Amino acid sequence: MTRKLVLILAVAILASLFFHAQIFSALGSYLVHQDQPKHADLALVLAGDATGNRIIRAAELVRQGYVPKVVVSGPSGQYGLYECDLAIPFAVRAGYPESYFIHFEHDAHSTQEEAANAVAELKRLGTRHVLLVTSDYHTRRAGRILRAAAPDVEFTVVAAPDLYFSAGGWWHNREGRKTFLVEWEKTVANWFGM
């Protein structure tokens, strides 16, 4: 029995050495689950992106005619400001009109809490179909959480690129590895309802 276990372990180690890139790519790809953009009532850009890629992607959706406006989720806690109060001026400096955006201030500190707040706001606005914009690594989990929070609202998940994470190469840089590990931790926790 011990000899068989050692052999299985040795084969597993050799396989991981030869196929680590494929295994790592598959694990990274699992986190990314996006849809093609289509016309919707509004876009919702989730908080948590300090680079501005999410809001720029959402602004492009307005410019391309997919949605008339973007609800910009903005939790508190950024030097006494709401994240949307930082994100919207960033997008304006990048050339997008402020009229594209709707400030949505709240005090959520997780995607689960953010979803509860966002669903209430989307329903208040009479929204039936939303383009949900978030970072590519966050698309699968965010889509699952928002769809569970509002089964009567259609969510089309649109990915914004991340500076450090790519499904096929996240392990090549420190920030990509951190993003991968944290997102997988949150994904597994979400499977268990945490």
N, C-alpha and C. Protein backbone atom coordinates (compact mmCIF):
# COMPACT_ATOMS: atom_id res chain seq x y z
N MET A 1 0.82 -1.20 0.00
CA MET A 1 0.00 0.00 0.00
C MET A 1 0.87 1.26 0.00
N THR A 2 1.92 1.27 0.80
CA THR A 2 2.79 2.44 0.89
C THR A 2 3.54 2.67 -0.42
N ARG A 3 3.98 1.61 -1.03
CA ARG A 3 4.69 1.71 -2.30
C ARG A 3 3.78 2.29 -3.38
N LYS A 4 2.54 1.87 -3.40
CA LYS A 4 1.56 2.38 -4.37
C LYS A 4 1.30 3.87 -4.14
N LEU A 5 1.20 4.26 -2.89
CA LEU A 5 0.97 5.67 -2.55
C LEU A 5 2.16 6.53 -2.97
N VAL A 6 3.36 6.05 -2.75
CA VAL A 6 4.57 6.78 -3.16
C VAL A 6 4.62 6.91 -4.68
N LEU A 7 4.26 5.88 -5.39
CA LEU A 7 4.24 5.91 -6.85
C LEU A 7 3.22 6.92 -7.36
N ILE A 8 2.04 6.91 -6.78
CA ILE A 8 0.99 7.88 -7.17
C ILE A 8 1.46 9.30 -6.91
N LEU A 9 2.07 9.53 -5.75
CA LEU A 9 2.58 10.85 -5.40
C LEU A 9 3.68 11.29 -6.37
N ALA A 10 4.58 10.39 -6.73
CA ALA A 10 5.66 10.70 -7.66
C ALA A 10 5.11 11.06 -9.04
N VAL A 11 4.12 10.31 -9.50
CA VAL A 11 3.50 10.61 -10.80
C VAL A 11 2.81 11.97 -10.75
N ALA A 12 2.13 12.26 -9.65
CA ALA A 12 1.44 13.55 -9.50
C ALA A 12 2.44 14.70 -9.52
N ILE A 13 3.57 14.53 -8.85
CA ILE A 13 4.60 15.58 -8.83
C ILE A 13 5.19 15.77 -10.21
N LEU A 14 5.50 14.69 -10.90
CA LEU A 14 6.05 14.80 -12.25
C LEU A 14 5.05 15.45 -13.20
N ALA A 15 3.80 15.05 -13.10
CA ALA A 15 2.76 15.64 -13.96
C ALA A 15 2.64 17.14 -13.70
N SER A 16 2.69 17.53 -12.42
CA SER A 16 2.58 18.95 -12.12
C SER A 16 3.80 19.73 -12.62
N LEU A 17 4.97 19.10 -12.61
CA LEU A 17 6.16 19.77 -13.14
C LEU A 17 6.06 19.98 -14.65
N PHE A 18 5.58 18.99 -15.35
CA PHE A 18 5.48 19.08 -16.81
C PHE A 18 4.27 19.87 -17.29
N PHE A 19 3.20 19.86 -16.53
CA PHE A 19 1.95 20.47 -16.98
C PHE A 19 1.49 21.62 -16.08
N HIS A 20 2.41 22.23 -15.32
CA HIS A 20 2.00 23.28 -14.39
C HIS A 20 1.35 24.47 -15.11
N ALA A 21 1.85 24.84 -16.26
CA ALA A 21 1.26 25.99 -16.97
C ALA A 21 -0.18 25.71 -17.36
N GLN A 22 -0.45 24.50 -17.83
CA GLN A 22 -1.82 24.14 -18.21
C GLN A 22 -2.73 24.08 -16.98
N ILE A 23 -2.21 23.54 -15.89
CA ILE A 23 -3.00 23.46 -14.65
C ILE A 23 -3.27 24.86 -14.11
N PHE A 24 -2.23 25.70 -14.04
CA PHE A 24 -2.41 27.07 -13.55
C PHE A 24 -3.36 27.86 -14.45
N SER A 25 -3.24 27.68 -15.76
CA SER A 25 -4.14 28.37 -16.70
C SER A 25 -5.59 27.95 -16.49
N ALA A 26 -5.80 26.65 -16.30
CA ALA A 26 -7.16 26.15 -16.08
C ALA A 26 -7.75 26.72 -14.79
N LEU A 27 -6.93 26.79 -13.74
CA LEU A 27 -7.41 27.35 -12.47
C LEU A 27 -7.71 28.85 -12.62
N GLY A 28 -6.87 29.57 -13.35
CA GLY A 28 -7.13 30.99 -13.59
C GLY A 28 -8.34 31.20 -14.47
N SER A 29 -8.49 30.36 -15.48
CA SER A 29 -9.63 30.49 -16.41
C SER A 29 -10.96 30.22 -15.72
N TYR A 30 -10.96 29.36 -14.71
CA TYR A 30 -12.21 29.08 -14.00
C TYR A 30 -12.79 30.35 -13.38
N LEU A 31 -11.94 31.24 -12.92
CA LEU A 31 -12.41 32.47 -12.26
C LEU A 31 -13.10 33.42 -13.23
N VAL A 32 -12.77 33.31 -14.51
CA VAL A 32 -13.28 34.24 -15.53
C VAL A 32 -14.48 33.63 -16.23
N HIS A 33 -15.62 34.28 -16.08
CA HIS A 33 -16.84 33.84 -16.76
C HIS A 33 -17.60 35.09 -17.21
N GLN A 34 -17.39 35.47 -18.46
CA GLN A 34 -17.98 36.71 -18.96
C GLN A 34 -18.90 36.45 -20.14
N ASP A 35 -19.78 37.41 -20.37
CA ASP A 35 -20.72 37.34 -21.48
C ASP A 35 -20.36 38.43 -22.50
N GLN A 36 -20.92 38.31 -23.68
CA GLN A 36 -20.80 39.38 -24.67
C GLN A 36 -21.73 40.52 -24.25
N PRO A 37 -21.26 41.76 -24.32
CA PRO A 37 -22.16 42.87 -23.97
C PRO A 37 -23.36 42.91 -24.91
N LYS A 38 -24.50 43.31 -24.37
CA LYS A 38 -25.70 43.53 -25.17
C LYS A 38 -26.47 44.68 -24.56
N HIS A 39 -27.41 45.21 -25.28
CA HIS A 39 -28.16 46.36 -24.81
C HIS A 39 -28.87 46.05 -23.50
N ALA A 40 -28.78 47.00 -22.57
CA ALA A 40 -29.37 46.83 -21.25
C ALA A 40 -29.87 48.17 -20.74
N ASP A 41 -30.56 48.13 -19.59
CA ASP A 41 -31.09 49.35 -18.99
C ASP A 41 -29.99 50.22 -18.41
N LEU A 42 -29.04 49.58 -17.72
CA LEU A 42 -27.95 50.28 -17.06
C LEU A 42 -26.74 49.37 -16.98
N ALA A 43 -25.61 49.97 -16.69
CA ALA A 43 -24.42 49.19 -16.30
C ALA A 43 -24.20 49.44 -14.82
N LEU A 44 -23.67 48.44 -14.15
CA LEU A 44 -23.28 48.56 -12.75
C LEU A 44 -21.81 48.22 -12.67
N VAL A 45 -21.00 49.17 -12.25
CA VAL A 45 -19.57 48.90 -12.09
C VAL A 45 -19.32 48.66 -10.60
N LEU A 46 -18.81 47.48 -10.29
CA LEU A 46 -18.55 47.13 -8.90
C LEU A 46 -17.30 47.83 -8.38
N ALA A 47 -17.29 48.05 -7.09
CA ALA A 47 -16.17 48.69 -6.42
C ALA A 47 -15.00 47.71 -6.29
N GLY A 48 -13.85 48.24 -5.92
CA GLY A 48 -12.71 47.39 -5.64
C GLY A 48 -11.60 47.45 -6.66
N ASP A 49 -11.65 48.41 -7.57
CA ASP A 49 -10.62 48.51 -8.61
C ASP A 49 -9.91 49.85 -8.47
N ALA A 50 -8.71 49.84 -7.93
CA ALA A 50 -7.96 51.08 -7.74
C ALA A 50 -7.30 51.57 -9.02
N THR A 51 -7.31 50.78 -10.09
CA THR A 51 -6.66 51.20 -11.34
C THR A 51 -7.58 51.97 -12.28
N GLY A 52 -8.89 51.86 -12.09
CA GLY A 52 -9.83 52.54 -12.96
C GLY A 52 -10.26 51.74 -14.18
N ASN A 53 -9.78 50.53 -14.34
CA ASN A 53 -10.14 49.74 -15.53
C ASN A 53 -11.63 49.41 -15.58
N ARG A 54 -12.23 49.18 -14.42
CA ARG A 54 -13.66 48.84 -14.41
C ARG A 54 -14.51 50.02 -14.89
N ILE A 55 -14.27 51.20 -14.34
CA ILE A 55 -15.11 52.34 -14.72
C ILE A 55 -14.86 52.75 -16.17
N ILE A 56 -13.63 52.62 -16.65
CA ILE A 56 -13.34 52.94 -18.05
C ILE A 56 -14.07 51.95 -18.96
N ARG A 57 -14.07 50.67 -18.61
CA ARG A 57 -14.79 49.67 -19.41
C ARG A 57 -16.28 50.00 -19.44
N ALA A 58 -16.83 50.37 -18.29
CA ALA A 58 -18.25 50.72 -18.22
C ALA A 58 -18.55 51.97 -19.05
N ALA A 59 -17.68 52.96 -18.99
CA ALA A 59 -17.87 54.18 -19.77
C ALA A 59 -17.85 53.87 -21.26
N GLU A 60 -17.00 52.95 -21.67
CA GLU A 60 -16.95 52.54 -23.08
C GLU A 60 -18.28 51.91 -23.50
N LEU A 61 -18.92 51.18 -22.60
CA LEU A 61 -20.22 50.56 -22.92
C LEU A 61 -21.27 51.63 -23.19
N VAL A 62 -21.21 52.75 -22.45
CA VAL A 62 -22.13 53.87 -22.72
C VAL A 62 -21.79 54.46 -24.08
N ARG A 63 -20.51 54.72 -24.30
CA ARG A 63 -20.07 55.32 -25.57
C ARG A 63 -20.46 54.45 -26.77
N GLN A 64 -20.42 53.13 -26.60
CA GLN A 64 -20.76 52.20 -27.68
C GLN A 64 -22.27 51.99 -27.82
N GLY A 65 -23.07 52.61 -26.94
CA GLY A 65 -24.52 52.54 -27.06
C GLY A 65 -25.19 51.35 -26.40
N TYR A 66 -24.46 50.59 -25.60
CA TYR A 66 -25.07 49.43 -24.93
C TYR A 66 -25.99 49.84 -23.79
N VAL A 67 -25.64 50.91 -23.08
CA VAL A 67 -26.43 51.39 -21.94
C VAL A 67 -26.43 52.91 -21.94
N PRO A 68 -27.46 53.53 -21.35
CA PRO A 68 -27.46 54.99 -21.28
C PRO A 68 -26.64 55.55 -20.12
N LYS A 69 -26.50 54.77 -19.03
CA LYS A 69 -25.83 55.27 -17.82
C LYS A 69 -25.12 54.13 -17.10
N VAL A 70 -24.20 54.53 -16.21
CA VAL A 70 -23.46 53.59 -15.39
C VAL A 70 -23.69 53.93 -13.92
N VAL A 71 -24.17 52.97 -13.16
CA VAL A 71 -24.25 53.12 -11.72
C VAL A 71 -22.88 52.75 -11.17
N VAL A 72 -22.23 53.69 -10.49
CA VAL A 72 -20.87 53.47 -10.00
C VAL A 72 -20.93 53.18 -8.50
N SER A 73 -20.70 51.93 -8.17
CA SER A 73 -20.73 51.51 -6.78
C SER A 73 -19.55 52.11 -6.04
N GLY A 74 -19.82 52.69 -4.88
CA GLY A 74 -18.76 53.36 -4.15
C GLY A 74 -18.88 53.22 -2.66
N PRO A 75 -18.22 52.21 -2.11
CA PRO A 75 -18.23 52.10 -0.65
C PRO A 75 -17.37 53.18 -0.01
N SER A 76 -17.64 53.42 1.26
CA SER A 76 -16.86 54.41 2.00
C SER A 76 -15.53 53.81 2.43
N GLY A 77 -14.64 54.66 2.89
CA GLY A 77 -13.40 54.16 3.45
C GLY A 77 -12.14 54.59 2.76
N GLN A 78 -12.21 55.35 1.69
CA GLN A 78 -11.02 55.79 0.98
C GLN A 78 -10.69 57.22 1.43
N TYR A 79 -9.92 57.37 2.49
CA TYR A 79 -9.54 58.68 3.01
C TYR A 79 -10.77 59.57 3.25
N GLY A 80 -11.81 58.97 3.81
CA GLY A 80 -13.02 59.72 4.10
C GLY A 80 -13.91 59.97 2.90
N LEU A 81 -13.60 59.35 1.77
CA LEU A 81 -14.40 59.52 0.56
C LEU A 81 -15.03 58.18 0.17
N TYR A 82 -16.04 58.27 -0.67
CA TYR A 82 -16.61 57.08 -1.26
C TYR A 82 -15.84 56.76 -2.54
N GLU A 83 -15.71 55.48 -2.85
CA GLU A 83 -14.94 55.10 -4.04
C GLU A 83 -15.49 55.73 -5.31
N CYS A 84 -16.82 55.85 -5.41
CA CYS A 84 -17.40 56.46 -6.61
C CYS A 84 -17.00 57.93 -6.74
N ASP A 85 -16.70 58.60 -5.61
CA ASP A 85 -16.26 59.99 -5.66
C ASP A 85 -14.84 60.12 -6.21
N LEU A 86 -14.11 59.03 -6.23
CA LEU A 86 -12.77 59.01 -6.83
C LEU A 86 -12.82 58.47 -8.26
N ALA A 87 -13.65 57.45 -8.48
CA ALA A 87 -13.71 56.78 -9.78
C ALA A 87 -14.29 57.69 -10.87
N ILE A 88 -15.37 58.37 -10.56
CA ILE A 88 -16.03 59.19 -11.58
C ILE A 88 -15.13 60.31 -12.08
N PRO A 89 -14.49 61.10 -11.21
CA PRO A 89 -13.55 62.11 -11.72
C PRO A 89 -12.40 61.51 -12.52
N PHE A 90 -11.97 60.30 -12.16
CA PHE A 90 -10.93 59.61 -12.93
C PHE A 90 -11.41 59.39 -14.36
N ALA A 91 -12.64 58.91 -14.51
CA ALA A 91 -13.19 58.66 -15.84
C ALA A 91 -13.40 59.96 -16.61
N VAL A 92 -13.80 61.01 -15.91
CA VAL A 92 -13.98 62.32 -16.56
C VAL A 92 -12.63 62.82 -17.08
N ARG A 93 -11.58 62.67 -16.28
CA ARG A 93 -10.23 63.08 -16.74
C ARG A 93 -9.78 62.25 -17.95
N ALA A 94 -10.33 61.02 -18.07
CA ALA A 94 -9.98 60.16 -19.21
C ALA A 94 -10.82 60.49 -20.45
N GLY A 95 -11.72 61.50 -20.34
CA GLY A 95 -12.46 61.96 -21.50
C GLY A 95 -13.92 61.55 -21.58
N TYR A 96 -14.47 61.00 -20.52
CA TYR A 96 -15.88 60.60 -20.52
C TYR A 96 -16.70 61.64 -19.77
N PRO A 97 -17.88 62.01 -20.29
CA PRO A 97 -18.69 63.02 -19.62
C PRO A 97 -19.23 62.52 -18.27
N GLU A 98 -19.29 63.43 -17.32
CA GLU A 98 -19.81 63.08 -16.00
C GLU A 98 -21.27 62.62 -16.08
N SER A 99 -21.97 63.06 -17.12
CA SER A 99 -23.38 62.69 -17.29
C SER A 99 -23.57 61.19 -17.53
N TYR A 100 -22.51 60.47 -17.86
CA TYR A 100 -22.59 59.02 -18.03
C TYR A 100 -22.85 58.28 -16.73
N PHE A 101 -22.52 58.91 -15.59
CA PHE A 101 -22.40 58.18 -14.33
C PHE A 101 -23.44 58.58 -13.28
N ILE A 102 -23.84 57.58 -12.50
CA ILE A 102 -24.72 57.77 -11.36
C ILE A 102 -23.93 57.36 -10.12
N HIS A 103 -23.76 58.30 -9.18
CA HIS A 103 -23.09 58.00 -7.92
C HIS A 103 -23.95 57.04 -7.11
N PHE A 104 -23.33 56.02 -6.57
CA PHE A 104 -24.04 55.08 -5.70
C PHE A 104 -23.19 54.82 -4.46
N GLU A 105 -23.41 55.63 -3.44
CA GLU A 105 -22.64 55.54 -2.21
C GLU A 105 -23.28 54.53 -1.27
N HIS A 106 -22.44 53.75 -0.60
CA HIS A 106 -22.92 52.77 0.38
C HIS A 106 -21.78 52.42 1.32
N ASP A 107 -22.05 51.56 2.28
CA ASP A 107 -21.05 51.18 3.27
C ASP A 107 -20.74 49.69 3.25
N ALA A 108 -20.92 49.02 2.14
CA ALA A 108 -20.65 47.58 2.03
C ALA A 108 -19.14 47.32 2.03
N HIS A 109 -18.77 46.14 2.54
CA HIS A 109 -17.35 45.78 2.59
C HIS A 109 -17.09 44.40 2.01
N SER A 110 -18.02 43.89 1.23
CA SER A 110 -17.82 42.61 0.54
C SER A 110 -18.71 42.61 -0.69
N THR A 111 -18.44 41.71 -1.62
CA THR A 111 -19.29 41.63 -2.81
C THR A 111 -20.71 41.25 -2.41
N GLN A 112 -20.85 40.39 -1.42
CA GLN A 112 -22.17 39.97 -0.93
C GLN A 112 -22.96 41.18 -0.41
N GLU A 113 -22.33 41.99 0.43
CA GLU A 113 -22.98 43.19 0.96
C GLU A 113 -23.25 44.20 -0.15
N GLU A 114 -22.28 44.35 -1.05
CA GLU A 114 -22.44 45.27 -2.17
C GLU A 114 -23.63 44.86 -3.04
N ALA A 115 -23.79 43.55 -3.25
CA ALA A 115 -24.90 43.05 -4.06
C ALA A 115 -26.24 43.42 -3.44
N ALA A 116 -26.35 43.24 -2.13
CA ALA A 116 -27.62 43.57 -1.46
C ALA A 116 -27.95 45.04 -1.64
N ASN A 117 -26.96 45.91 -1.45
CA ASN A 117 -27.17 47.34 -1.64
C ASN A 117 -27.48 47.68 -3.10
N ALA A 118 -26.73 47.08 -4.01
CA ALA A 118 -26.89 47.39 -5.44
C ALA A 118 -28.25 46.94 -5.96
N VAL A 119 -28.70 45.77 -5.52
CA VAL A 119 -30.00 45.27 -5.99
C VAL A 119 -31.11 46.22 -5.56
N ALA A 120 -31.05 46.71 -4.34
CA ALA A 120 -32.06 47.67 -3.88
C ALA A 120 -32.03 48.93 -4.75
N GLU A 121 -30.85 49.41 -5.07
CA GLU A 121 -30.72 50.61 -5.91
C GLU A 121 -31.20 50.35 -7.33
N LEU A 122 -30.83 49.21 -7.89
CA LEU A 122 -31.26 48.88 -9.26
C LEU A 122 -32.77 48.76 -9.34
N LYS A 123 -33.37 48.16 -8.34
CA LYS A 123 -34.84 48.04 -8.33
C LYS A 123 -35.49 49.41 -8.16
N ARG A 124 -34.89 50.26 -7.33
CA ARG A 124 -35.41 51.63 -7.17
C ARG A 124 -35.39 52.37 -8.51
N LEU A 125 -34.38 52.08 -9.32
CA LEU A 125 -34.25 52.71 -10.64
C LEU A 125 -35.09 52.01 -11.71
N GLY A 126 -35.79 50.94 -11.35
CA GLY A 126 -36.64 50.23 -12.30
C GLY A 126 -35.89 49.40 -13.31
N THR A 127 -34.73 48.90 -12.94
CA THR A 127 -33.85 48.18 -13.86
C THR A 127 -34.23 46.72 -13.96
N ARG A 128 -34.31 46.22 -15.20
CA ARG A 128 -34.62 44.80 -15.45
C ARG A 128 -33.43 44.04 -16.03
N HIS A 129 -32.56 44.76 -16.74
CA HIS A 129 -31.39 44.13 -17.37
C HIS A 129 -30.16 45.01 -17.11
N VAL A 130 -29.11 44.40 -16.56
CA VAL A 130 -27.92 45.14 -16.14
C VAL A 130 -26.68 44.54 -16.79
N LEU A 131 -25.79 45.40 -17.26
CA LEU A 131 -24.44 44.97 -17.62
C LEU A 131 -23.59 45.12 -16.37
N LEU A 132 -23.18 44.00 -15.81
CA LEU A 132 -22.39 43.97 -14.59
C LEU A 132 -20.91 44.03 -14.97
N VAL A 133 -20.23 45.11 -14.61
CA VAL A 133 -18.83 45.31 -15.00
C VAL A 133 -17.94 45.14 -13.79
N THR A 134 -16.99 44.22 -13.93
CA THR A 134 -16.01 43.98 -12.87
C THR A 134 -14.73 43.45 -13.49
N SER A 135 -13.71 43.28 -12.68
CA SER A 135 -12.43 42.76 -13.18
C SER A 135 -12.60 41.32 -13.65
N ASP A 136 -11.83 40.94 -14.66
CA ASP A 136 -11.99 39.60 -15.25
C ASP A 136 -11.93 38.48 -14.21
N TYR A 137 -10.99 38.53 -13.27
CA TYR A 137 -10.87 37.47 -12.27
C TYR A 137 -12.06 37.41 -11.33
N HIS A 138 -12.85 38.45 -11.27
CA HIS A 138 -13.99 38.56 -10.34
C HIS A 138 -15.32 38.23 -11.01
N THR A 139 -15.31 37.96 -12.31
CA THR A 139 -16.57 37.83 -13.06
C THR A 139 -17.42 36.65 -12.62
N ARG A 140 -16.84 35.48 -12.45
CA ARG A 140 -17.64 34.30 -12.11
C ARG A 140 -18.32 34.49 -10.75
N ARG A 141 -17.55 34.87 -9.75
CA ARG A 141 -18.11 34.99 -8.40
C ARG A 141 -19.12 36.14 -8.32
N ALA A 142 -18.78 37.28 -8.90
CA ALA A 142 -19.68 38.43 -8.85
C ALA A 142 -20.99 38.13 -9.57
N GLY A 143 -20.91 37.51 -10.74
CA GLY A 143 -22.13 37.15 -11.46
C GLY A 143 -23.02 36.22 -10.65
N ARG A 144 -22.40 35.24 -10.03
CA ARG A 144 -23.15 34.28 -9.21
C ARG A 144 -23.84 34.99 -8.03
N ILE A 145 -23.12 35.87 -7.35
CA ILE A 145 -23.67 36.56 -6.19
C ILE A 145 -24.82 37.49 -6.59
N LEU A 146 -24.62 38.28 -7.65
CA LEU A 146 -25.67 39.22 -8.07
C LEU A 146 -26.90 38.48 -8.59
N ARG A 147 -26.70 37.42 -9.34
CA ARG A 147 -27.85 36.66 -9.85
C ARG A 147 -28.64 36.02 -8.71
N ALA A 148 -27.96 35.56 -7.68
CA ALA A 148 -28.65 34.98 -6.53
C ALA A 148 -29.40 36.05 -5.74
N ALA A 149 -28.83 37.25 -5.68
CA ALA A 149 -29.46 38.34 -4.93
C ALA A 149 -30.68 38.91 -5.64
N ALA A 150 -30.74 38.77 -6.97
CA ALA A 150 -31.85 39.34 -7.75
C ALA A 150 -32.18 38.43 -8.92
N PRO A 151 -32.85 37.30 -8.67
CA PRO A 151 -33.16 36.38 -9.76
C PRO A 151 -34.10 36.98 -10.82
N ASP A 152 -34.80 38.05 -10.47
CA ASP A 152 -35.72 38.68 -11.41
C ASP A 152 -35.04 39.74 -12.29
N VAL A 153 -33.75 39.98 -12.07
CA VAL A 153 -32.99 40.93 -12.88
C VAL A 153 -32.02 40.12 -13.75
N GLU A 154 -31.92 40.48 -15.02
CA GLU A 154 -30.98 39.81 -15.91
C GLU A 154 -29.62 40.51 -15.82
N PHE A 155 -28.59 39.74 -15.51
CA PHE A 155 -27.24 40.27 -15.43
C PHE A 155 -26.40 39.70 -16.56
N THR A 156 -25.81 40.58 -17.34
CA THR A 156 -24.83 40.21 -18.35
C THR A 156 -23.49 40.68 -17.81
N VAL A 157 -22.57 39.75 -17.60
CA VAL A 157 -21.30 40.07 -16.95
C VAL A 157 -20.27 40.46 -18.01
N VAL A 158 -19.69 41.64 -17.83
CA VAL A 158 -18.69 42.18 -18.76
C VAL A 158 -17.39 42.35 -17.99
N ALA A 159 -16.32 41.82 -18.52
CA ALA A 159 -15.02 41.85 -17.85
C ALA A 159 -14.22 43.09 -18.22
N ALA A 160 -13.57 43.64 -17.21
CA ALA A 160 -12.56 44.68 -17.41
C ALA A 160 -11.21 44.02 -17.19
N PRO A 161 -10.22 44.36 -18.00
CA PRO A 161 -8.91 43.74 -17.81
C PRO A 161 -8.26 44.20 -16.51
N ASP A 162 -7.43 43.34 -15.96
CA ASP A 162 -6.66 43.68 -14.77
C ASP A 162 -5.20 43.86 -15.17
N LEU A 163 -4.51 44.77 -14.51
CA LEU A 163 -3.11 45.03 -14.87
C LEU A 163 -2.20 43.83 -14.63
N TYR A 164 -2.51 43.03 -13.62
CA TYR A 164 -1.58 41.97 -13.21
C TYR A 164 -2.11 40.56 -13.42
N PHE A 165 -3.40 40.40 -13.42
CA PHE A 165 -3.97 39.06 -13.55
C PHE A 165 -4.34 38.79 -15.00
N SER A 166 -3.91 37.65 -15.50
CA SER A 166 -4.44 37.11 -16.74
C SER A 166 -4.59 35.62 -16.49
N ALA A 167 -5.66 35.04 -17.00
CA ALA A 167 -5.93 33.62 -16.72
C ALA A 167 -4.77 32.74 -17.14
N GLY A 168 -4.09 33.10 -18.20
CA GLY A 168 -3.01 32.27 -18.71
C GLY A 168 -1.61 32.67 -18.26
N GLY A 169 -1.50 33.57 -17.29
CA GLY A 169 -0.17 33.97 -16.86
C GLY A 169 -0.10 34.63 -15.50
N TRP A 170 -1.12 34.45 -14.67
CA TRP A 170 -1.18 35.11 -13.37
C TRP A 170 0.01 34.77 -12.48
N TRP A 171 0.63 33.63 -12.64
CA TRP A 171 1.71 33.17 -11.77
C TRP A 171 3.05 33.84 -12.08
N HIS A 172 3.11 34.66 -13.12
CA HIS A 172 4.37 35.29 -13.52
C HIS A 172 4.71 36.56 -12.74
N ASN A 173 3.77 37.08 -11.96
CA ASN A 173 4.07 38.29 -11.19
C ASN A 173 3.40 38.21 -9.82
N ARG A 174 3.99 38.90 -8.87
CA ARG A 174 3.55 38.84 -7.48
C ARG A 174 2.09 39.28 -7.32
N GLU A 175 1.71 40.39 -7.94
CA GLU A 175 0.33 40.89 -7.81
C GLU A 175 -0.67 39.92 -8.43
N GLY A 176 -0.29 39.31 -9.54
CA GLY A 176 -1.16 38.30 -10.16
C GLY A 176 -1.37 37.11 -9.25
N ARG A 177 -0.30 36.65 -8.60
CA ARG A 177 -0.41 35.52 -7.67
C ARG A 177 -1.29 35.88 -6.48
N LYS A 178 -1.12 37.09 -5.95
CA LYS A 178 -1.96 37.52 -4.82
C LYS A 178 -3.43 37.58 -5.23
N THR A 179 -3.69 38.17 -6.38
CA THR A 179 -5.07 38.27 -6.87
C THR A 179 -5.69 36.89 -7.03
N PHE A 180 -4.95 35.97 -7.64
CA PHE A 180 -5.42 34.60 -7.84
C PHE A 180 -5.76 33.94 -6.51
N LEU A 181 -4.86 34.00 -5.56
CA LEU A 181 -5.07 33.33 -4.27
C LEU A 181 -6.24 33.92 -3.50
N VAL A 182 -6.33 35.24 -3.47
CA VAL A 182 -7.44 35.88 -2.74
C VAL A 182 -8.77 35.56 -3.41
N GLU A 183 -8.82 35.62 -4.74
CA GLU A 183 -10.08 35.35 -5.43
C GLU A 183 -10.51 33.90 -5.26
N TRP A 184 -9.55 32.97 -5.28
CA TRP A 184 -9.91 31.57 -5.04
C TRP A 184 -10.38 31.36 -3.61
N GLU A 185 -9.76 32.03 -2.66
CA GLU A 185 -10.20 31.94 -1.26
C GLU A 185 -11.65 32.41 -1.14
N LYS A 186 -11.96 33.54 -1.76
CA LYS A 186 -13.32 34.09 -1.71
C LYS A 186 -14.30 33.20 -2.47
N THR A 187 -13.87 32.61 -3.57
CA THR A 187 -14.73 31.72 -4.35
C THR A 187 -15.11 30.49 -3.54
N VAL A 188 -14.13 29.87 -2.91
CA VAL A 188 -14.41 28.69 -2.09
C VAL A 188 -15.29 29.06 -0.91
N ALA A 189 -15.02 30.18 -0.27
CA ALA A 189 -15.85 30.64 0.86
C ALA A 189 -17.29 30.84 0.39
N ASN A 190 -17.45 31.40 -0.81
CA ASN A 190 -18.80 31.64 -1.35
C ASN A 190 -19.53 30.33 -1.61
N TRP A 191 -18.80 29.29 -2.03
CA TRP A 191 -19.44 27.98 -2.23
C TRP A 191 -20.07 27.47 -0.94
N PHE A 192 -19.45 27.82 0.19
CA PHE A 192 -19.95 27.38 1.49
C PHE A 192 -20.85 28.40 2.17
N GLY A 193 -21.26 29.40 1.41
CA GLY A 193 -22.20 30.39 1.92
C GLY A 193 -21.57 31.41 2.87
N MET A 194 -20.27 31.58 2.78
CA MET A 194 -19.59 32.53 3.67
C MET A 194 -19.25 33.81 2.93
